[in-house]
């Protein structure tokens, strides 16, 4: 499945696209598995050379100091909330 979420990352709003597979509950025959999450894009509004605001995928240039564990944890909480409280059909 796929989703997206905007997270304040080091003082900047970044919209993360992600793919995930829900974990499996433990059964008598198999142990449980965690939800797997892969960040596929990180979108940010930046100014180009002419000061036009453009949306750029910065996934390849995110600073190594970014706390990826916290981002994944935030996405995981978002997924849990979504699956516990799905939006109503309009």
PDB file of N, CA and C in Angstrom:
ATOM      1  N   UNK A   1       0.845  -1.173   0.000  1.00  0.00           N
ATOM      2  CA  UNK A   1       0.000   0.000   0.000  1.00  0.00           C
ATOM      3  C   UNK A   1       0.894   1.241   0.000  1.00  0.00           C
ATOM      4  N   UNK A   2       0.291   2.365  -0.335  1.00  0.00           N
ATOM      5  CA  UNK A   2       1.043   3.614  -0.409  1.00  0.00           C
ATOM      6  C   UNK A   2       0.343   4.690   0.403  1.00  0.00           C
ATOM      7  N   UNK A   3       1.107   5.693   0.820  1.00  0.00           N
ATOM      8  CA  UNK A   3       0.544   6.807   1.547  1.00  0.00           C
ATOM      9  C   UNK A   3       1.489   7.990   1.507  1.00  0.00           C
ATOM     10  N   UNK A   4       1.055   9.088   2.119  1.00  0.00           N
ATOM     11  CA  UNK A   4       1.946  10.237   2.280  1.00  0.00           C
ATOM     12  C   UNK A   4       1.568  11.001   3.541  1.00  0.00           C
ATOM     13  N   UNK A   5       2.539  11.732   4.048  1.00  0.00           N
ATOM     14  CA  UNK A   5       2.360  12.498   5.269  1.00  0.00           C
ATOM     15  C   UNK A   5       3.337  13.666   5.242  1.00  0.00           C
ATOM     16  N   UNK A   6       2.906  14.816   5.767  1.00  0.00           N
ATOM     17  CA  UNK A   6       3.797  15.963   5.896  1.00  0.00           C
ATOM     18  C   UNK A   6       4.316  15.998   7.325  1.00  0.00           C
ATOM     19  N   UNK A   7       5.637  16.077   7.456  1.00  0.00           N
ATOM     20  CA  UNK A   7       6.286  16.076   8.765  1.00  0.00           C
ATOM     21  C   UNK A   7       7.239  17.262   8.826  1.00  0.00           C
ATOM     22  N   UNK A   8       7.231  17.975   9.955  1.00  0.00           N
ATOM     23  CA  UNK A   8       8.211  19.033  10.186  1.00  0.00           C
ATOM     24  C   UNK A   8       9.545  18.343  10.446  1.00  0.00           C
ATOM     25  N   UNK A   9      10.470  18.516   9.521  1.00  0.00           N
ATOM     26  CA  UNK A   9      11.778  17.879   9.617  1.00  0.00           C
ATOM     27  C   UNK A   9      12.833  18.961   9.746  1.00  0.00           C
ATOM     28  N   UNK A  10      13.401  19.072  10.918  1.00  0.00           N
ATOM     29  CA  UNK A  10      14.434  20.087  11.181  1.00  0.00           C
ATOM     30  C   UNK A  10      13.966  21.488  10.802  1.00  0.00           C
ATOM     31  N   UNK A  11      12.698  21.806  11.100  1.00  0.00           N
ATOM     32  CA  UNK A  11      12.159  23.145  10.877  1.00  0.00           C
ATOM     33  C   UNK A  11      11.566  23.387   9.503  1.00  0.00           C
ATOM     34  N   UNK A  12      11.547  22.375   8.651  1.00  0.00           N
ATOM     35  CA  UNK A  12      10.963  22.516   7.315  1.00  0.00           C
ATOM     36  C   UNK A  12       9.895  21.455   7.113  1.00  0.00           C
ATOM     37  N   UNK A  13       8.772  21.849   6.511  1.00  0.00           N
ATOM     38  CA  UNK A  13       7.727  20.875   6.187  1.00  0.00           C
ATOM     39  C   UNK A  13       8.151  20.075   4.963  1.00  0.00           C
ATOM     40  N   UNK A  14       8.225  18.765   5.135  1.00  0.00           N
ATOM     41  CA  UNK A  14       8.565  17.866   4.039  1.00  0.00           C
ATOM     42  C   UNK A  14       7.444  16.851   3.915  1.00  0.00           C
ATOM     43  N   UNK A  15       6.949  16.658   2.690  1.00  0.00           N
ATOM     44  CA  UNK A  15       5.905  15.661   2.451  1.00  0.00           C
ATOM     45  C   UNK A  15       6.585  14.373   2.000  1.00  0.00           C
ATOM     46  N   UNK A  16       6.382  13.329   2.786  1.00  0.00           N
ATOM     47  CA  UNK A  16       6.995  12.033   2.505  1.00  0.00           C
ATOM     48  C   UNK A  16       5.981  11.111   1.839  1.00  0.00           C
ATOM     49  N   UNK A  17       6.366  10.539   0.707  1.00  0.00           N
ATOM     50  CA  UNK A  17       5.609   9.454   0.091  1.00  0.00           C
ATOM     51  C   UNK A  17       6.242   8.166   0.588  1.00  0.00           C
ATOM     52  N   UNK A  18       5.417   7.181   0.854  1.00  0.00           N
ATOM     53  CA  UNK A  18       5.967   5.925   1.353  1.00  0.00           C
ATOM     54  C   UNK A  18       5.136   4.748   0.862  1.00  0.00           C
ATOM     55  N   UNK A  19       5.776   3.599   0.857  1.00  0.00           N
ATOM     56  CA  UNK A  19       5.113   2.338   0.564  1.00  0.00           C
ATOM     57  C   UNK A  19       5.232   1.492   1.824  1.00  0.00           C
ATOM     58  N   UNK A  20       4.188   0.702   2.099  1.00  0.00           N
ATOM     59  CA  UNK A  20       4.247  -0.118   3.308  1.00  0.00           C
ATOM     60  C   UNK A  20       3.465  -1.405   3.139  1.00  0.00           C
ATOM     61  N   UNK A  21       3.857  -2.367   3.944  1.00  0.00           N
ATOM     62  CA  UNK A  21       3.125  -3.617   4.072  1.00  0.00           C
ATOM     63  C   UNK A  21       2.836  -3.796   5.551  1.00  0.00           C
ATOM     64  N   UNK A  22       1.574  -4.021   5.871  1.00  0.00           N
ATOM     65  CA  UNK A  22       1.192  -4.212   7.264  1.00  0.00           C
ATOM     66  C   UNK A  22       1.825  -5.488   7.808  1.00  0.00           C
ATOM     67  N   UNK A  23       2.208  -5.438   9.063  1.00  0.00           N
ATOM     68  CA  UNK A  23       2.751  -6.617   9.715  1.00  0.00           C
ATOM     69  C   UNK A  23       1.666  -7.657   9.951  1.00  0.00           C
ATOM     70  N   UNK A  24       2.090  -8.845  10.240  1.00  0.00           N
ATOM     71  CA  UNK A  24       1.171  -9.950  10.510  1.00  0.00           C
ATOM     72  C   UNK A  24       1.110 -10.200  12.005  1.00  0.00           C
ATOM     73  N   UNK A  25      -0.086 -10.480  12.508  1.00  0.00           N
ATOM     74  CA  UNK A  25      -0.235 -10.828  13.919  1.00  0.00           C
ATOM     75  C   UNK A  25       0.300 -12.230  14.150  1.00  0.00           C
ATOM     76  N   UNK A  26       0.766 -12.444  15.346  1.00  0.00           N
ATOM     77  CA  UNK A  26       1.299 -13.754  15.706  1.00  0.00           C
ATOM     78  C   UNK A  26       0.184 -14.798  15.675  1.00  0.00           C
ATOM     79  N   UNK A  27       0.505 -15.952  15.150  1.00  0.00           N
ATOM     80  CA  UNK A  27      -0.415 -17.084  15.170  1.00  0.00           C
ATOM     81  C   UNK A  27       0.271 -18.225  15.912  1.00  0.00           C
ATOM     82  N   UNK A  28      -0.455 -19.268  16.078  1.00  0.00           N
ATOM     83  CA  UNK A  28       0.109 -20.415  16.785  1.00  0.00           C
ATOM     84  C   UNK A  28       1.336 -20.956  16.043  1.00  0.00           C
ATOM     85  N   UNK A  29       1.328 -20.863  14.719  1.00  0.00           N
ATOM     86  CA  UNK A  29       2.399 -21.432  13.911  1.00  0.00           C
ATOM     87  C   UNK A  29       3.477 -20.437  13.473  1.00  0.00           C
ATOM     88  N   UNK A  30       3.150 -19.149  13.488  1.00  0.00           N
ATOM     89  CA  UNK A  30       4.093 -18.154  12.973  1.00  0.00           C
ATOM     90  C   UNK A  30       4.239 -16.983  13.939  1.00  0.00           C
ATOM     91  N   UNK A  31       5.473 -16.453  14.074  1.00  0.00           N
ATOM     92  CA  UNK A  31       5.664 -15.252  14.897  1.00  0.00           C
ATOM     93  C   UNK A  31       5.099 -14.027  14.187  1.00  0.00           C
ATOM     94  N   UNK A  32       4.888 -12.960  14.926  1.00  0.00           N
ATOM     95  CA  UNK A  32       4.382 -11.716  14.317  1.00  0.00           C
ATOM     96  C   UNK A  32       5.495 -11.070  13.500  1.00  0.00           C
ATOM     97  N   UNK A  33       5.101 -10.195  12.571  1.00  0.00           N
ATOM     98  CA  UNK A  33       6.054  -9.405  11.808  1.00  0.00           C
ATOM     99  C   UNK A  33       5.661  -7.937  11.929  1.00  0.00           C
ATOM    100  N   UNK A  34       6.658  -7.069  11.878  1.00  0.00           N
ATOM    101  CA  UNK A  34       6.416  -5.633  11.950  1.00  0.00           C
ATOM    102  C   UNK A  34       5.964  -5.103  10.594  1.00  0.00           C
ATOM    103  N   UNK A  35       5.309  -3.952  10.620  1.00  0.00           N
ATOM    104  CA  UNK A  35       4.976  -3.259   9.385  1.00  0.00           C
ATOM    105  C   UNK A  35       6.279  -2.803   8.734  1.00  0.00           C
ATOM    106  N   UNK A  36       6.437  -3.039   7.442  1.00  0.00           N
ATOM    107  CA  UNK A  36       7.633  -2.566   6.739  1.00  0.00           C
ATOM    108  C   UNK A  36       7.280  -1.275   6.007  1.00  0.00           C
ATOM    109  N   UNK A  37       8.183  -0.298   6.096  1.00  0.00           N
ATOM    110  CA  UNK A  37       7.956   1.027   5.512  1.00  0.00           C
ATOM    111  C   UNK A  37       9.174   1.408   4.683  1.00  0.00           C
ATOM    112  N   UNK A  38       8.907   1.899   3.469  1.00  0.00           N
ATOM    113  CA  UNK A  38       9.967   2.416   2.607  1.00  0.00           C
ATOM    114  C   UNK A  38       9.589   3.826   2.177  1.00  0.00           C
ATOM    115  N   UNK A  39      10.446   4.794   2.471  1.00  0.00           N
ATOM    116  CA  UNK A  39      10.222   6.170   2.018  1.00  0.00           C
ATOM    117  C   UNK A  39      10.620   6.220   0.548  1.00  0.00           C
ATOM    118  N   UNK A  40       9.674   6.630  -0.314  1.00  0.00           N
ATOM    119  CA  UNK A  40       9.926   6.628  -1.754  1.00  0.00           C
ATOM    120  C   UNK A  40      10.208   8.017  -2.321  1.00  0.00           C
ATOM    121  N   UNK A  41       9.800   9.066  -1.607  1.00  0.00           N
ATOM    122  CA  UNK A  41      10.064  10.437  -2.052  1.00  0.00           C
ATOM    123  C   UNK A  41       9.937  11.370  -0.857  1.00  0.00           C
ATOM    124  N   UNK A  42      10.628  12.495  -0.935  1.00  0.00           N
ATOM    125  CA  UNK A  42      10.542  13.529   0.097  1.00  0.00           C
ATOM    126  C   UNK A  42      10.414  14.867  -0.627  1.00  0.00           C
ATOM    127  N   UNK A  43       9.212  15.416  -0.620  1.00  0.00           N
ATOM    128  CA  UNK A  43       8.897  16.618  -1.390  1.00  0.00           C
ATOM    129  C   UNK A  43       8.997  17.871  -0.530  1.00  0.00           C
ATOM    130  N   UNK A  44       9.644  18.893  -1.077  1.00  0.00           N
ATOM    131  CA  UNK A  44       9.816  20.152  -0.357  1.00  0.00           C
ATOM    132  C   UNK A  44       9.667  21.308  -1.340  1.00  0.00           C
ATOM    133  N   UNK A  45       9.090  22.405  -0.880  1.00  0.00           N
ATOM    134  CA  UNK A  45       8.962  23.609  -1.705  1.00  0.00           C
ATOM    135  C   UNK A  45      10.251  24.416  -1.557  1.00  0.00           C
ATOM    136  N   UNK A  46      10.894  24.682  -2.699  1.00  0.00           N
ATOM    137  CA  UNK A  46      12.141  25.447  -2.729  1.00  0.00           C
ATOM    138  C   UNK A  46      12.054  26.524  -3.793  1.00  0.00           C
ATOM    139  N   UNK A  47      12.936  27.501  -3.712  1.00  0.00           N
ATOM    140  CA  UNK A  47      13.009  28.556  -4.723  1.00  0.00           C
ATOM    141  C   UNK A  47      14.034  28.160  -5.781  1.00  0.00           C
ATOM    142  N   UNK A  48      13.659  28.352  -7.063  1.00  0.00           N
ATOM    143  CA  UNK A  48      14.626  28.087  -8.130  1.00  0.00           C
ATOM    144  C   UNK A  48      15.499  29.331  -8.333  1.00  0.00           C
ATOM    145  N   UNK A  49      16.320  29.331  -9.378  1.00  0.00           N
ATOM    146  CA  UNK A  49      17.255  30.434  -9.627  1.00  0.00           C
ATOM    147  C   UNK A  49      16.555  31.771  -9.848  1.00  0.00           C
ATOM    148  N   UNK A  50      15.286  31.711 -10.296  1.00  0.00           N
ATOM    149  CA  UNK A  50      14.523  32.934 -10.545  1.00  0.00           C
ATOM    150  C   UNK A  50      13.560  33.243  -9.406  1.00  0.00           C
ATOM    151  N   UNK A  51      13.747  32.593  -8.272  1.00  0.00           N
ATOM    152  CA  UNK A  51      12.913  32.751  -7.077  1.00  0.00           C
ATOM    153  C   UNK A  51      11.481  32.284  -7.276  1.00  0.00           C
ATOM    154  N   UNK A  52      11.245  31.420  -8.269  1.00  0.00           N
ATOM    155  CA  UNK A  52       9.942  30.776  -8.408  1.00  0.00           C
ATOM    156  C   UNK A  52       9.896  29.613  -7.423  1.00  0.00           C
ATOM    157  N   UNK A  53       8.766  29.450  -6.768  1.00  0.00           N
ATOM    158  CA  UNK A  53       8.631  28.349  -5.819  1.00  0.00           C
ATOM    159  C   UNK A  53       8.297  27.073  -6.596  1.00  0.00           C
ATOM    160  N   UNK A  54       9.092  26.032  -6.379  1.00  0.00           N
ATOM    161  CA  UNK A  54       8.901  24.760  -7.065  1.00  0.00           C
ATOM    162  C   UNK A  54       8.922  23.631  -6.045  1.00  0.00           C
ATOM    163  N   UNK A  55       8.238  22.549  -6.365  1.00  0.00           N
ATOM    164  CA  UNK A  55       8.217  21.381  -5.486  1.00  0.00           C
ATOM    165  C   UNK A  55       9.273  20.408  -6.001  1.00  0.00           C
ATOM    166  N   UNK A  56      10.181  20.017  -5.110  1.00  0.00           N
ATOM    167  CA  UNK A  56      11.330  19.211  -5.496  1.00  0.00           C
ATOM    168  C   UNK A  56      11.391  17.954  -4.631  1.00  0.00           C
ATOM    169  N   UNK A  57      11.703  16.813  -5.266  1.00  0.00           N
ATOM    170  CA  UNK A  57      11.947  15.583  -4.523  1.00  0.00           C
ATOM    171  C   UNK A  57      13.390  15.629  -4.024  1.00  0.00           C
ATOM    172  N   UNK A  58      13.563  15.737  -2.703  1.00  0.00           N
ATOM    173  CA  UNK A  58      14.894  15.887  -2.116  1.00  0.00           C
ATOM    174  C   UNK A  58      15.390  14.602  -1.457  1.00  0.00           C
ATOM    175  N   UNK A  59      14.759  13.474  -1.754  1.00  0.00           N
ATOM    176  CA  UNK A  59      15.120  12.230  -1.077  1.00  0.00           C
ATOM    177  C   UNK A  59      16.611  11.921  -1.227  1.00  0.00           C
ATOM    178  N   UNK A  60      17.186  12.219  -2.377  1.00  0.00           N
ATOM    179  CA  UNK A  60      18.597  11.908  -2.609  1.00  0.00           C
ATOM    180  C   UNK A  60      19.574  12.844  -1.946  1.00  0.00           C
ATOM    181  N   UNK A  61      19.083  13.971  -1.424  1.00  0.00           N
ATOM    182  CA  UNK A  61      19.998  14.949  -0.821  1.00  0.00           C
ATOM    183  C   UNK A  61      19.652  15.281   0.627  1.00  0.00           C
ATOM    184  N   UNK A  62      18.772  14.480   1.238  1.00  0.00           N
ATOM    185  CA  UNK A  62      18.464  14.734   2.644  1.00  0.00           C
ATOM    186  C   UNK A  62      19.733  14.609   3.472  1.00  0.00           C
ATOM    187  N   UNK A  63      19.879  15.493   4.421  1.00  0.00           N
ATOM    188  CA  UNK A  63      21.051  15.517   5.290  1.00  0.00           C
ATOM    189  C   UNK A  63      21.156  14.220   6.081  1.00  0.00           C
ATOM    190  N   UNK A  64      22.360  13.744   6.254  1.00  0.00           N
ATOM    191  CA  UNK A  64      22.579  12.522   7.034  1.00  0.00           C
ATOM    192  C   UNK A  64      22.172  12.691   8.494  1.00  0.00           C
ATOM    193  N   UNK A  65      22.060  13.942   8.947  1.00  0.00           N
ATOM    194  CA  UNK A  65      21.668  14.205  10.330  1.00  0.00           C
ATOM    195  C   UNK A  65      20.169  14.081  10.559  1.00  0.00           C
ATOM    196  N   UNK A  66      19.385  13.918   9.490  1.00  0.00           N
ATOM    197  CA  UNK A  66      17.938  13.766   9.632  1.00  0.00           C
ATOM    198  C   UNK A  66      17.668  12.485  10.422  1.00  0.00           C
ATOM    199  N   UNK A  67      16.763  12.567  11.361  1.00  0.00           N
ATOM    200  CA  UNK A  67      16.451  11.420  12.215  1.00  0.00           C
ATOM    201  C   UNK A  67      15.447  10.510  11.500  1.00  0.00           C
ATOM    202  N   UNK A  68      15.975   9.593  10.688  1.00  0.00           N
ATOM    203  CA  UNK A  68      15.117   8.699   9.901  1.00  0.00           C
ATOM    204  C   UNK A  68      14.269   7.800  10.803  1.00  0.00           C
ATOM    205  N   UNK A  69      14.821   7.388  11.947  1.00  0.00           N
ATOM    206  CA  UNK A  69      14.057   6.535  12.866  1.00  0.00           C
ATOM    207  C   UNK A  69      12.800   7.252  13.340  1.00  0.00           C
ATOM    208  N   UNK A  70      12.921   8.539  13.656  1.00  0.00           N
ATOM    209  CA  UNK A  70      11.760   9.317  14.095  1.00  0.00           C
ATOM    210  C   UNK A  70      10.756   9.481  12.956  1.00  0.00           C
ATOM    211  N   UNK A  71      11.240   9.687  11.742  1.00  0.00           N
ATOM    212  CA  UNK A  71      10.341   9.818  10.588  1.00  0.00           C
ATOM    213  C   UNK A  71       9.583   8.513  10.373  1.00  0.00           C
ATOM    214  N   UNK A  72      10.277   7.383  10.396  1.00  0.00           N
ATOM    215  CA  UNK A  72       9.641   6.074  10.215  1.00  0.00           C
ATOM    216  C   UNK A  72       8.642   5.822  11.339  1.00  0.00           C
ATOM    217  N   UNK A  73       9.001   6.177  12.575  1.00  0.00           N
ATOM    218  CA  UNK A  73       8.086   6.002  13.714  1.00  0.00           C
ATOM    219  C   UNK A  73       6.825   6.845  13.523  1.00  0.00           C
ATOM    220  N   UNK A  74       6.978   8.081  13.056  1.00  0.00           N
ATOM    221  CA  UNK A  74       5.835   8.968  12.814  1.00  0.00           C
ATOM    222  C   UNK A  74       4.951   8.393  11.706  1.00  0.00           C
ATOM    223  N   UNK A  75       5.567   7.898  10.636  1.00  0.00           N
ATOM    224  CA  UNK A  75       4.802   7.279   9.549  1.00  0.00           C
ATOM    225  C   UNK A  75       4.066   6.049  10.066  1.00  0.00           C
ATOM    226  N   UNK A  76       4.736   5.239  10.876  1.00  0.00           N
ATOM    227  CA  UNK A  76       4.109   4.033  11.429  1.00  0.00           C
ATOM    228  C   UNK A  76       2.890   4.387  12.279  1.00  0.00           C
ATOM    229  N   UNK A  77       2.977   5.423  13.089  1.00  0.00           N
ATOM    230  CA  UNK A  77       1.827   5.869  13.889  1.00  0.00           C
ATOM    231  C   UNK A  77       0.698   6.345  12.980  1.00  0.00           C
ATOM    232  N   UNK A  78       1.044   7.045  11.910  1.00  0.00           N
ATOM    233  CA  UNK A  78       0.050   7.510  10.935  1.00  0.00           C
ATOM    234  C   UNK A  78      -0.674   6.322  10.299  1.00  0.00           C
ATOM    235  N   UNK A  79       0.075   5.291   9.944  1.00  0.00           N
ATOM    236  CA  UNK A  79      -0.511   4.092   9.343  1.00  0.00           C
ATOM    237  C   UNK A  79      -1.453   3.416  10.334  1.00  0.00           C
ATOM    238  N   UNK A  80      -1.020   3.273  11.584  1.00  0.00           N
ATOM    239  CA  UNK A  80      -1.860   2.633  12.608  1.00  0.00           C
ATOM    240  C   UNK A  80      -3.156   3.413  12.808  1.00  0.00           C
ATOM    241  N   UNK A  81      -3.049   4.743  12.875  1.00  0.00           N
ATOM    242  CA  UNK A  81      -4.238   5.577  13.061  1.00  0.00           C
ATOM    243  C   UNK A  81      -5.181   5.432  11.869  1.00  0.00           C
ATOM    244  N   UNK A  82      -4.625   5.435  10.661  1.00  0.00           N
ATOM    245  CA  UNK A  82      -5.442   5.303   9.460  1.00  0.00           C
ATOM    246  C   UNK A  82      -6.185   3.970   9.447  1.00  0.00           C
ATOM    247  N   UNK A  83      -5.500   2.895   9.800  1.00  0.00           N
ATOM    248  CA  UNK A  83      -6.140   1.577   9.746  1.00  0.00           C
ATOM    249  C   UNK A  83      -7.103   1.349  10.907  1.00  0.00           C
ATOM    250  N   UNK A  84      -6.926   2.075  12.004  1.00  0.00           N
ATOM    251  CA  UNK A  84      -7.871   1.979  13.121  1.00  0.00           C
ATOM    252  C   UNK A  84      -9.063   2.905  12.937  1.00  0.00           C
ATOM    253  N   UNK A  85      -8.888   3.982  12.165  1.00  0.00           N
ATOM    254  CA  UNK A  85      -9.944   4.972  11.927  1.00  0.00           C
ATOM    255  C   UNK A  85      -9.969   5.353  10.456  1.00  0.00           C
ATOM    256  N   UNK A  86     -10.338   4.434   9.570  1.00  0.00           N
ATOM    257  CA  UNK A  86     -10.329   4.770   8.132  1.00  0.00           C
ATOM    258  C   UNK A  86     -11.308   5.900   7.828  1.00  0.00           C
ATOM    259  N   UNK A  87     -10.985   6.722   6.803  1.00  0.00           N
ATOM    260  CA  UNK A  87     -11.901   7.810   6.444  1.00  0.00           C
ATOM    261  C   UNK A  87     -13.231   7.241   5.948  1.00  0.00           C
ATOM    262  N   UNK A  88     -14.303   7.960   6.243  1.00  0.00           N
ATOM    263  CA  UNK A  88     -15.619   7.537   5.796  1.00  0.00           C
ATOM    264  C   UNK A  88     -15.771   7.840   4.316  1.00  0.00           C
ATOM    265  N   UNK A  89     -16.471   6.957   3.615  1.00  0.00           N
ATOM    266  CA  UNK A  89     -16.751   7.197   2.195  1.00  0.00           C
ATOM    267  C   UNK A  89     -17.727   8.351   2.072  1.00  0.00           C
ATOM    268  N   UNK A  90     -17.497   9.187   1.087  1.00  0.00           N
ATOM    269  CA  UNK A  90     -18.390  10.339   0.893  1.00  0.00           C
ATOM    270  C   UNK A  90     -19.482  10.004  -0.071  1.00  0.00           C
TER     271      UNK A  90
END
